[in-house]
Amino acid sequence: MKLYYSPGACPLTIHVLLNDMGIDYQLVRVDLKSHQTEDGRDYYKINPKGYVPTLELDSGERITELPAVAQYLSESQQNYHLFPEKGLPKIRVVEWLAFIGSEIHKSFGPLFNSASSDEAKKAAQDKINNRFAYIDQVLEQQAYVTSDVMSIADIYLFVILTWASNMKLDLSQFPNLQVHKQKVSEYSAVQKSLKEEGLM
């Protein structure tokens, strides 16, 4: 099994999942500017969408999109604790993965793009802060985003929060998010994955 990734990007979520589940895998680094893999292959021939993550199975089949990869992996282990198997707990995780992906992850686009205007960057930051404020309120009532039990959605949120910190966005107005980020950062599979990606 191979995980195509870029250090610190959203595949870090899947990287944590693989380490937490104890699955054998190989990391393949992708340069998202040149769209070349570390061994010189054209990444577009691996994933025509051009972005990460891509999970390549031993059969050669490939799965893209973070929620799909996460669900595929979770179904390989019965009652996997970071992604509930069925019912409302599972739906809550899916709900939060969708929210984080569509409402926060995508909003970072203008901040990553050096060609974005100041106006576009300001609008993006305002939207991100609005979403962070909502999550901060949720975390006022419970330890993690879906409940008092950590899920893969919390790992995804942690990755997003590391982007915010790296971009010097002010998180001081969101004390519950700061506590959440610290708690998730201490999880053993997170620590291992950060080290393997050269992020600590």
Protein backbone atom coordinates (compact mmCIF):
# COMPACT_ATOMS: atom_id res chain seq x y z
CA MET A 1 0.00 0.00 0.00
CA LYS A 2 1.32 3.46 -0.92
CA LEU A 3 0.25 6.89 0.31
CA TYR A 4 1.08 9.76 -2.03
CA TYR A 5 1.48 12.87 0.10
CA SER A 6 3.05 16.28 0.52
CA PRO A 7 4.46 17.11 3.97
CA GLY A 8 1.95 18.88 6.20
CA ALA A 9 -0.82 18.78 3.60
CA CYS A 10 -4.17 17.10 4.23
CA PRO A 11 -2.84 13.54 3.60
CA LEU A 12 -1.25 13.89 7.04
CA THR A 13 -4.73 12.90 8.24
CA ILE A 14 -4.49 9.60 6.36
CA HIS A 15 -0.87 9.15 7.43
CA VAL A 16 -2.01 9.31 11.06
CA LEU A 17 -4.75 6.79 10.33
CA LEU A 18 -2.29 4.32 8.78
CA ASN A 19 0.07 4.60 11.73
CA ASP A 20 -2.75 4.31 14.24
CA MET A 21 -4.09 1.18 12.55
CA GLY A 22 -0.67 -0.44 12.28
CA ILE A 23 -0.99 -0.98 8.53
CA ASP A 24 2.13 -1.56 6.44
CA TYR A 25 2.52 1.21 3.88
CA GLN A 26 5.03 3.20 1.86
CA LEU A 27 5.11 6.99 1.73
CA VAL A 28 5.64 8.56 -1.69
CA ARG A 29 6.33 12.28 -1.59
CA VAL A 30 4.80 14.49 -4.29
CA ASP A 31 6.01 17.95 -5.30
CA LEU A 32 2.72 19.76 -5.85
CA LYS A 33 4.38 22.52 -7.88
CA SER A 34 6.09 20.29 -10.43
CA HIS A 35 3.61 17.41 -10.01
CA GLN A 36 6.49 14.98 -9.85
CA THR A 37 6.89 12.17 -7.36
CA GLU A 38 10.14 11.82 -5.43
CA ASP A 39 11.17 9.01 -7.79
CA GLY A 40 10.61 11.20 -10.87
CA ARG A 41 7.20 10.03 -12.07
CA ASP A 42 4.51 12.30 -13.49
CA TYR A 43 1.95 12.49 -10.70
CA TYR A 44 -0.85 13.30 -13.15
CA LYS A 45 -0.46 9.75 -14.47
CA ILE A 46 -1.09 8.46 -10.96
CA ASN A 47 -3.90 10.86 -10.08
CA PRO A 48 -5.20 12.99 -12.99
CA LYS A 49 -6.68 15.43 -10.46
CA GLY A 50 -3.12 16.42 -9.57
CA TYR A 51 -3.56 16.74 -5.82
CA VAL A 52 -3.09 14.54 -2.76
CA PRO A 53 -3.93 12.21 -1.10
CA THR A 54 -3.91 9.16 -3.29
CA LEU A 55 -3.90 5.73 -1.69
CA GLU A 56 -2.59 2.98 -3.95
CA LEU A 57 -3.64 -0.50 -2.92
CA ASP A 58 -1.51 -3.61 -3.34
CA SER A 59 -3.84 -4.57 -6.21
CA GLY A 60 -2.90 -1.37 -8.06
CA GLU A 61 -6.31 0.22 -7.51
CA ARG A 62 -6.15 3.84 -6.37
CA ILE A 63 -8.47 5.80 -4.11
CA THR A 64 -8.54 9.59 -3.96
CA GLU A 65 -10.30 12.19 -1.78
CA LEU A 66 -9.59 12.22 1.94
CA PRO A 67 -13.06 11.14 3.20
CA ALA A 68 -13.16 8.20 0.78
CA VAL A 69 -9.66 7.04 1.72
CA ALA A 70 -10.44 7.38 5.43
CA GLN A 71 -13.65 5.38 5.12
CA TYR A 72 -11.98 2.66 3.05
CA LEU A 73 -9.24 2.21 5.65
CA SER A 74 -11.65 2.28 8.58
CA GLU A 75 -13.71 -0.51 7.04
CA SER A 76 -10.64 -2.75 6.95
CA GLN A 77 -10.73 -3.00 10.76
CA GLN A 78 -13.85 -3.90 12.69
CA ASN A 79 -15.01 -1.27 15.18
CA TYR A 80 -12.11 1.07 14.43
CA HIS A 81 -12.28 3.73 17.12
CA LEU A 82 -11.46 6.83 15.04
CA PHE A 83 -14.20 6.17 12.46
CA PRO A 84 -17.36 4.51 13.85
CA GLU A 85 -18.70 1.60 11.86
CA LYS A 86 -22.36 2.55 11.55
CA GLY A 87 -25.28 4.60 12.77
CA LEU A 88 -25.39 8.20 13.88
CA PRO A 89 -21.80 8.20 15.26
CA LYS A 90 -20.54 7.33 11.77
CA ILE A 91 -22.76 9.97 10.15
CA ARG A 92 -21.45 12.62 12.55
CA VAL A 93 -17.88 11.86 11.48
CA VAL A 94 -18.87 12.03 7.80
CA GLU A 95 -20.70 15.29 8.49
CA TRP A 96 -17.63 16.86 10.09
CA LEU A 97 -15.24 15.62 7.42
CA ALA A 98 -17.48 17.27 4.82
CA PHE A 99 -17.72 20.51 6.79
CA ILE A 100 -13.98 20.77 7.42
CA GLY A 101 -13.19 19.93 3.81
CA SER A 102 -15.66 22.23 2.09
CA GLU A 103 -15.90 25.13 4.52
CA ILE A 104 -12.40 25.42 5.99
CA HIS A 105 -9.86 23.48 3.92
CA LYS A 106 -10.98 25.04 0.64
CA SER A 107 -11.03 28.49 2.23
CA PHE A 108 -7.26 28.34 2.67
CA GLY A 109 -6.82 28.37 -1.12
CA PRO A 110 -6.32 32.16 -1.45
CA LEU A 111 -3.87 32.12 1.48
CA PHE A 112 -1.72 29.47 -0.21
CA ASN A 113 -1.78 31.32 -3.54
CA SER A 114 0.80 34.11 -3.70
CA ALA A 115 -1.10 35.64 -6.63
CA SER A 116 -4.24 36.21 -4.54
CA SER A 117 -5.21 39.81 -3.94
CA ASP A 118 -5.22 41.28 -0.45
CA GLU A 119 -9.00 41.50 -0.74
CA ALA A 120 -9.30 37.79 -1.53
CA LYS A 121 -6.99 36.89 1.35
CA LYS A 122 -8.97 39.06 3.76
CA ALA A 123 -12.25 37.45 2.66
CA ALA A 124 -10.72 33.99 3.12
CA GLN A 125 -9.44 34.81 6.60
CA ASP A 126 -12.83 36.21 7.60
CA LYS A 127 -14.56 33.01 6.48
CA ILE A 128 -12.01 30.82 8.25
CA ASN A 129 -12.39 32.82 11.47
CA ASN A 130 -16.16 32.51 11.21
CA ARG A 131 -15.91 28.73 10.92
CA PHE A 132 -13.33 28.55 13.71
CA ALA A 133 -15.67 30.53 15.96
CA TYR A 134 -18.41 27.97 15.34
CA ILE A 135 -16.10 25.05 16.14
CA ASP A 136 -14.83 26.82 19.25
CA GLN A 137 -18.43 26.99 20.49
CA VAL A 138 -18.90 23.27 19.80
CA LEU A 139 -15.74 22.49 21.75
CA GLU A 140 -17.05 24.52 24.67
CA GLN A 141 -19.64 21.76 25.14
CA GLN A 142 -17.60 18.63 24.38
CA ALA A 143 -14.00 17.47 24.14
CA TYR A 144 -13.96 16.74 20.40
CA VAL A 145 -15.94 17.81 17.38
CA THR A 146 -18.35 14.87 17.17
CA SER A 147 -18.54 13.94 20.86
CA ASP A 148 -16.29 13.45 23.87
CA VAL A 149 -14.40 10.79 21.89
CA MET A 150 -11.72 11.66 19.33
CA SER A 151 -12.36 10.75 15.69
CA ILE A 152 -10.63 11.10 12.34
CA ALA A 153 -12.44 14.44 11.96
CA ASP A 154 -10.38 15.78 14.87
CA ILE A 155 -7.18 14.68 13.14
CA TYR A 156 -8.27 16.53 9.98
CA LEU A 157 -9.09 19.63 12.02
CA PHE A 158 -5.67 19.40 13.69
CA VAL A 159 -3.98 19.45 10.27
CA ILE A 160 -5.96 22.56 9.32
CA LEU A 161 -5.04 24.23 12.61
CA THR A 162 -1.35 23.60 11.93
CA TRP A 163 -1.77 25.51 8.65
CA ALA A 164 -3.36 28.37 10.56
CA SER A 165 -0.47 28.46 13.02
CA ASN A 166 2.12 28.28 10.24
CA MET A 167 0.43 31.22 8.51
CA LYS A 168 0.42 33.20 11.77
CA LEU A 169 -3.37 33.39 11.92
CA ASP A 170 -4.48 34.57 15.35
CA LEU A 171 -5.97 31.61 17.23
CA SER A 172 -5.89 33.35 20.61
CA GLN A 173 -9.55 34.28 20.20
CA PHE A 174 -10.41 30.57 20.02
CA PRO A 175 -9.23 29.07 23.34
CA ASN A 176 -11.08 25.78 22.89
CA LEU A 177 -9.50 25.26 19.48
CA GLN A 178 -6.08 25.83 21.01
CA VAL A 179 -6.75 23.20 23.67
CA HIS A 180 -8.02 20.81 20.99
CA LYS A 181 -4.92 21.32 18.84
CA GLN A 182 -2.65 20.60 21.79
CA LYS A 183 -4.54 17.44 22.81
CA VAL A 184 -4.52 15.98 19.31
CA SER A 185 -0.84 16.87 18.84
CA GLU A 186 0.00 14.60 21.78
CA TYR A 187 -1.67 11.53 20.26
CA SER A 188 1.04 8.94 19.57
CA ALA A 189 0.11 8.30 15.92
CA VAL A 190 0.10 12.06 15.29
CA GLN A 191 3.56 12.40 16.83
CA LYS A 192 4.91 9.54 14.72
CA SER A 193 3.42 10.90 11.50
CA LEU A 194 4.72 14.42 12.10
CA LYS A 195 8.21 13.02 12.62
CA GLU A 196 8.00 10.88 9.48
CA GLU A 197 7.01 13.92 7.43
CA GLY A 198 9.87 15.97 8.89
CA LEU A 199 7.52 18.34 10.69
CA MET A 200 9.00 17.98 14.16
